[in-house]
Amino acid sequence: MTIMSIVVTGATGQLGRLTVEALLRRGIPAADIIATGRDIARIKDLADRGVAARRADFADTDSLTEAFVGADRLLLISASVPVDERVAHHRRVIDAAVAAGVSLVAYTSTTHADTATTIIGATHGETEEYLRDGGIPSVLLRNGWYLENYTSQLPQILHNGAVVGAAGQGRISAASRADYAEAAAVVLTTEGHTGAVYELGGDESFTLTELAAAISAVAGKLIAYADLPVAEFAQVLAAAGLPAELAEVLADADLGMSRGEMYTDSGDLRRLIGRRPVPLAEALALAPH
């Protein structure tokens, strides 16, 4: 397979950077990787290794047009912006990819985006629809929840003695950012993925009650799960310092979890990366706490 250039949007973020590293590990020459972001000073180290670093702002069509010159394949990592801006941002990226003659767009969506009832799920569903209607070959990487969403909270969870959420007994198929990035790199560097819809998540799902038990086992102290009504959970998140809109979106995501929207037993992630995804217990054991 001959690839001209692979563009990774959001390379200044965690998932994007991990994808660039995964592409390099897979033998893609640094010069054939275009890492983009709003502040390319944050990826100077990648540029120093030969990766092309180009400014691309999802709100600035001209920057996207310039960033995608010579692109063959493109990874569209969903934008970290307020929910009411997300779809418009994604559409500008897709339009610029079409104009650049990109042969494949891989989009990081969310589990069951076509039927998701959550606020964030709706933005992914709209983006998927626009991508399909745009006539550009595409592949959907429906990433589940990140294990890091929980492991990064370990110090606070241990301090409070509880996992707090609104997911009821909904099962969550979470995986690590690195595993999702590896899957994206595989799709970008191998054939046979055009038109595919991958439901990606860990092999071992868990409820938040089981998460609390797993943390208890690692920490050697009892951690409970406090299941709250969605509105109350949003208030807790806002009181912890999150912007009110983000608190609402995250609490609503837990409601989606309670409905099974973050669960998948597809095995797609394992098949793409060729090994077992990192399980919860291992991620907890390795996380700072």
Protein backbone atom coordinates (compact mmCIF):
# COMPACT_ATOMS: atom_id res chain seq x y z
CA MET A 1 0.00 0.00 0.00
CA THR A 2 1.26 3.47 -0.90
CA ILE A 3 0.17 6.30 1.36
CA MET A 4 0.92 9.93 0.51
CA SER A 5 0.29 11.47 3.90
CA ILE A 6 -1.77 10.73 6.98
CA VAL A 7 -3.32 13.68 8.79
CA VAL A 8 -4.11 13.44 12.49
CA THR A 9 -6.32 16.24 13.75
CA GLY A 10 -6.14 17.17 17.40
CA ALA A 11 -2.56 15.93 17.63
CA THR A 12 -2.01 18.46 20.42
CA GLY A 13 -4.45 16.44 22.54
CA GLN A 14 -3.89 13.12 24.27
CA LEU A 15 -5.59 10.75 21.80
CA GLY A 16 -4.10 12.52 18.78
CA ARG A 17 -0.57 12.41 20.14
CA LEU A 18 -0.92 8.73 21.00
CA THR A 19 -2.13 8.04 17.46
CA VAL A 20 0.89 9.79 15.95
CA GLU A 21 3.16 7.69 18.16
CA ALA A 22 1.29 4.54 17.10
CA LEU A 23 1.72 5.43 13.42
CA LEU A 24 5.46 5.89 13.95
CA ARG A 25 5.67 2.52 15.70
CA ARG A 26 3.92 0.94 12.74
CA GLY A 27 6.72 2.15 10.47
CA ILE A 28 5.07 5.15 8.85
CA PRO A 29 7.87 7.64 8.04
CA ALA A 30 7.63 10.78 10.14
CA ALA A 31 7.61 12.88 6.98
CA ASP A 32 4.40 11.12 5.87
CA ILE A 33 2.52 12.15 9.03
CA ILE A 34 0.83 15.53 9.32
CA ALA A 35 0.06 16.37 12.95
CA THR A 36 -2.37 19.25 13.34
CA GLY A 37 -3.75 21.37 16.13
CA ARG A 38 -4.54 24.93 17.11
CA ASP A 39 -1.28 25.44 19.01
CA ILE A 40 1.50 23.59 17.22
CA ALA A 41 4.03 24.72 19.82
CA ARG A 42 2.58 21.86 21.88
CA ILE A 43 3.82 19.32 19.31
CA LYS A 44 7.25 20.82 18.69
CA ASP A 45 8.80 17.59 19.92
CA LEU A 46 7.00 15.68 17.16
CA ALA A 47 8.15 18.25 14.60
CA ASP A 48 11.71 17.83 15.87
CA ARG A 49 11.36 14.11 15.00
CA GLY A 50 10.38 14.92 11.42
CA VAL A 51 6.59 14.92 11.70
CA ALA A 52 4.94 17.74 9.73
CA ALA A 53 3.27 20.02 12.27
CA ARG A 54 0.56 22.24 10.79
CA ARG A 55 -1.85 24.62 12.42
CA ALA A 56 -5.49 23.57 11.99
CA ASP A 57 -8.34 25.26 13.81
CA PHE A 58 -11.74 23.60 13.33
CA ALA A 59 -13.32 27.08 13.41
CA ASP A 60 -11.04 28.39 10.63
CA THR A 61 -11.71 26.91 7.19
CA ASP A 62 -8.60 28.47 5.65
CA SER A 63 -6.36 26.82 8.23
CA LEU A 64 -7.96 23.44 7.48
CA THR A 65 -7.51 23.88 3.74
CA GLU A 66 -3.82 24.63 4.20
CA ALA A 67 -3.27 21.87 6.74
CA PHE A 68 -4.75 19.16 4.51
CA VAL A 69 -2.67 19.85 1.41
CA GLY A 70 -1.23 16.54 0.15
CA ALA A 71 -3.31 14.47 2.54
CA ASP A 72 -4.35 10.95 1.60
CA ARG A 73 -5.97 9.69 4.81
CA LEU A 74 -7.31 11.71 7.70
CA LEU A 75 -8.22 10.98 11.30
CA LEU A 76 -10.93 13.34 12.53
CA ILE A 77 -10.79 13.32 16.30
CA SER A 78 -14.01 14.79 17.62
CA ALA A 79 -13.67 18.36 18.82
CA SER A 80 -13.29 19.29 22.48
CA VAL A 81 -15.59 22.30 22.27
CA PRO A 82 -19.03 23.18 23.66
CA VAL A 83 -21.64 20.73 22.36
CA ASP A 84 -23.50 23.35 20.34
CA GLU A 85 -20.35 24.00 18.28
CA ARG A 86 -19.17 20.45 17.72
CA VAL A 87 -21.14 19.46 14.62
CA ALA A 88 -20.31 22.69 12.77
CA HIS A 89 -16.62 22.16 13.55
CA HIS A 90 -16.75 18.58 12.28
CA ARG A 91 -18.54 19.63 9.11
CA ARG A 92 -15.82 22.15 8.29
CA VAL A 93 -13.17 19.44 8.67
CA ILE A 94 -15.11 17.03 6.46
CA ASP A 95 -15.69 19.70 3.80
CA ALA A 96 -11.98 20.56 3.80
CA ALA A 97 -11.08 16.87 3.51
CA VAL A 98 -13.40 16.50 0.51
CA ALA A 99 -11.86 19.59 -1.12
CA ALA A 100 -8.36 18.21 -0.50
CA GLY A 101 -9.20 14.93 -2.22
CA VAL A 102 -8.63 12.83 0.88
CA SER A 103 -9.22 9.14 0.09
CA LEU A 104 -10.41 8.08 3.57
CA VAL A 105 -11.68 9.84 6.68
CA ALA A 106 -11.67 7.94 9.97
CA TYR A 107 -13.87 9.58 12.59
CA THR A 108 -13.71 9.01 16.34
CA SER A 109 -17.37 8.70 17.24
CA THR A 110 -19.00 7.11 20.26
CA THR A 111 -20.50 3.72 21.03
CA HIS A 112 -23.89 3.19 19.33
CA ALA A 113 -23.90 6.76 17.97
CA ASP A 114 -26.75 5.91 15.60
CA THR A 115 -29.11 5.15 18.50
CA ALA A 116 -27.50 7.09 21.38
CA THR A 117 -29.88 9.27 23.40
CA THR A 118 -27.23 11.37 25.12
CA ILE A 119 -26.38 14.98 24.40
CA ILE A 120 -22.88 14.06 23.25
CA GLY A 121 -24.14 11.02 21.35
CA ALA A 122 -26.43 13.20 19.27
CA THR A 123 -23.49 15.30 18.04
CA HIS A 124 -21.67 12.16 16.97
CA GLY A 125 -24.76 10.84 15.21
CA GLU A 126 -25.14 14.10 13.26
CA THR A 127 -21.47 14.04 12.29
CA GLU A 128 -21.71 10.44 11.11
CA GLU A 129 -24.72 11.35 8.97
CA TYR A 130 -22.90 14.33 7.44
CA LEU A 131 -19.89 12.15 6.72
CA ARG A 132 -22.05 9.57 4.96
CA ASP A 133 -23.87 12.23 2.95
CA GLY A 134 -20.60 13.91 1.96
CA GLY A 135 -19.69 11.09 -0.38
CA ILE A 136 -16.18 10.68 1.00
CA PRO A 137 -14.99 7.15 1.88
CA SER A 138 -15.04 6.83 5.64
CA VAL A 139 -14.73 4.51 8.60
CA LEU A 140 -16.38 5.04 11.98
CA LEU A 141 -14.34 4.40 15.11
CA ARG A 142 -17.03 4.39 17.76
CA ASN A 143 -14.81 4.74 20.80
CA GLY A 144 -16.26 3.78 24.14
CA TRP A 145 -15.47 5.47 27.44
CA TYR A 146 -11.84 5.99 28.42
CA LEU A 147 -10.43 4.07 31.36
CA GLU A 148 -8.55 7.29 32.09
CA ASN A 149 -11.85 8.99 32.87
CA TYR A 150 -11.73 6.92 36.06
CA THR A 151 -8.03 6.33 36.71
CA SER A 152 -7.34 10.08 36.55
CA GLN A 153 -9.86 10.54 39.38
CA LEU A 154 -8.27 7.96 41.68
CA PRO A 155 -6.76 10.42 44.19
CA GLN A 156 -10.11 12.20 44.56
CA ILE A 157 -12.05 8.91 44.76
CA LEU A 158 -9.72 7.61 47.46
CA HIS A 159 -9.97 10.90 49.35
CA ASN A 160 -13.77 10.86 49.22
CA GLY A 161 -14.06 7.11 49.80
CA ALA A 162 -16.57 6.78 47.00
CA VAL A 163 -17.16 6.62 43.28
CA VAL A 164 -19.96 9.06 42.50
CA GLY A 165 -22.10 8.75 39.39
CA ALA A 166 -25.54 8.33 37.87
CA ALA A 167 -25.03 5.21 35.76
CA GLY A 168 -27.05 2.82 37.90
CA GLN A 169 -26.03 -0.75 37.06
CA GLY A 170 -25.31 0.01 33.41
CA ARG A 171 -22.28 -1.83 32.05
CA ILE A 172 -19.38 0.17 30.61
CA SER A 173 -16.94 -1.20 28.04
CA ALA A 174 -14.08 1.20 28.67
CA ALA A 175 -10.59 0.98 27.18
CA SER A 176 -7.39 2.98 27.36
CA ARG A 177 -6.66 5.94 25.09
CA ALA A 178 -3.55 4.11 23.90
CA ASP A 179 -5.63 1.14 22.73
CA TYR A 180 -8.08 3.38 20.89
CA ALA A 181 -5.13 5.20 19.31
CA GLU A 182 -3.61 1.88 18.23
CA ALA A 183 -6.90 0.91 16.56
CA ALA A 184 -6.98 4.23 14.71
CA ALA A 185 -3.41 3.70 13.49
CA VAL A 186 -4.29 0.23 12.22
CA VAL A 187 -7.27 1.56 10.27
CA LEU A 188 -5.19 4.38 8.78
CA THR A 189 -2.38 2.08 7.63
CA THR A 190 -4.14 -1.04 6.39
CA GLU A 191 -6.77 -1.81 3.76
CA GLY A 192 -10.30 -3.12 3.98
CA HIS A 193 -11.83 -0.64 6.43
CA THR A 194 -13.74 1.67 4.10
CA GLY A 195 -17.39 1.78 5.14
CA ALA A 196 -16.78 -0.15 8.35
CA VAL A 197 -18.42 0.76 11.64
CA TYR A 198 -16.33 -0.39 14.60
CA GLU A 199 -17.91 -0.50 18.06
CA LEU A 200 -14.81 -0.17 20.21
CA GLY A 201 -14.45 -0.97 23.89
CA GLY A 202 -12.66 -3.18 26.36
CA ASP A 203 -13.29 -6.92 26.57
CA GLU A 204 -14.22 -6.74 30.26
CA SER A 205 -17.17 -4.44 30.93
CA PHE A 206 -17.98 -3.21 34.43
CA THR A 207 -20.62 -1.31 36.38
CA LEU A 208 -19.65 1.60 38.61
CA THR A 209 -20.36 -0.67 41.58
CA GLU A 210 -17.77 -3.08 40.17
CA LEU A 211 -15.41 -0.16 39.51
CA ALA A 212 -15.64 0.81 43.19
CA ALA A 213 -14.90 -2.80 44.18
CA ALA A 214 -11.90 -2.92 41.84
CA ILE A 215 -10.54 0.31 43.32
CA SER A 216 -11.09 -1.12 46.81
CA ALA A 217 -8.98 -4.15 45.88
CA VAL A 218 -6.12 -2.01 44.56
CA ALA A 219 -6.20 0.58 47.35
CA GLY A 220 -6.78 -1.80 50.23
CA LYS A 221 -9.62 0.31 51.58
CA LEU A 222 -13.38 0.17 51.10
CA ILE A 223 -14.66 2.37 48.29
CA ALA A 224 -18.42 2.61 47.82
CA TYR A 225 -20.47 3.60 44.79
CA ALA A 226 -22.89 6.46 45.36
CA ASP A 227 -25.55 6.38 42.63
CA LEU A 228 -27.24 9.76 42.32
CA PRO A 229 -30.10 11.16 40.25
CA VAL A 230 -28.73 12.78 37.10
CA ALA A 231 -29.53 16.36 38.14
CA GLU A 232 -27.89 15.85 41.53
CA PHE A 233 -24.79 14.32 39.93
CA ALA A 234 -24.54 17.35 37.62
CA GLN A 235 -24.65 19.60 40.69
CA VAL A 236 -21.86 17.58 42.33
CA LEU A 237 -19.69 17.95 39.20
CA ALA A 238 -20.38 21.68 39.01
CA ALA A 239 -19.55 22.08 42.70
CA ALA A 240 -16.24 20.33 41.99
CA GLY A 241 -15.38 23.12 39.56
CA LEU A 242 -16.63 21.93 36.17
CA PRO A 243 -18.45 24.43 33.95
CA ALA A 244 -22.21 23.94 34.27
CA GLU A 245 -22.64 22.87 30.64
CA LEU A 246 -19.88 20.25 30.87
CA ALA A 247 -21.28 18.99 34.16
CA GLU A 248 -24.66 18.51 32.47
CA VAL A 249 -23.11 16.69 29.52
CA LEU A 250 -21.12 14.32 31.75
CA ALA A 251 -24.08 13.58 34.01
CA ASP A 252 -26.17 12.92 30.90
CA ALA A 253 -23.44 10.52 29.69
CA ASP A 254 -23.91 8.54 32.89
CA LEU A 255 -27.62 8.38 32.15
CA GLY A 256 -26.71 6.90 28.76
CA MET A 257 -24.53 4.35 30.53
CA SER A 258 -27.49 3.31 32.66
CA ARG A 259 -29.29 2.51 29.38
CA GLY A 260 -26.43 0.38 28.09
CA GLU A 261 -25.17 2.94 25.57
CA MET A 262 -21.53 2.54 26.61
CA TYR A 263 -21.55 -1.25 26.45
CA THR A 264 -20.37 -3.35 23.54
CA ASP A 265 -19.33 -6.97 23.22
CA SER A 266 -18.31 -6.64 19.56
CA GLY A 267 -14.66 -7.60 20.09
CA ASP A 268 -13.77 -5.04 17.40
CA LEU A 269 -11.04 -3.36 19.43
CA ARG A 270 -9.32 -6.65 20.24
CA ARG A 271 -9.43 -7.73 16.59
CA LEU A 272 -8.06 -4.42 15.30
CA ILE A 273 -5.12 -4.20 17.68
CA GLY A 274 -4.43 -7.93 17.65
CA ARG A 275 -4.37 -8.42 21.41
CA ARG A 276 -6.47 -8.06 24.53
CA PRO A 277 -7.19 -4.42 25.40
CA VAL A 278 -5.80 -3.26 28.74
CA PRO A 279 -8.35 -4.31 31.39
CA LEU A 280 -9.62 -2.17 34.25
CA ALA A 281 -7.64 -3.91 37.00
CA GLU A 282 -4.36 -3.42 35.15
CA ALA A 283 -5.11 0.24 34.43
CA LEU A 284 -5.95 0.87 38.09
CA ALA A 285 -2.79 -0.87 39.28
CA LEU A 286 -0.64 1.32 37.02
CA ALA A 287 -2.40 4.61 37.75
CA PRO A 288 -0.99 7.08 40.30
CA HIS A 289 -2.96 6.91 43.53
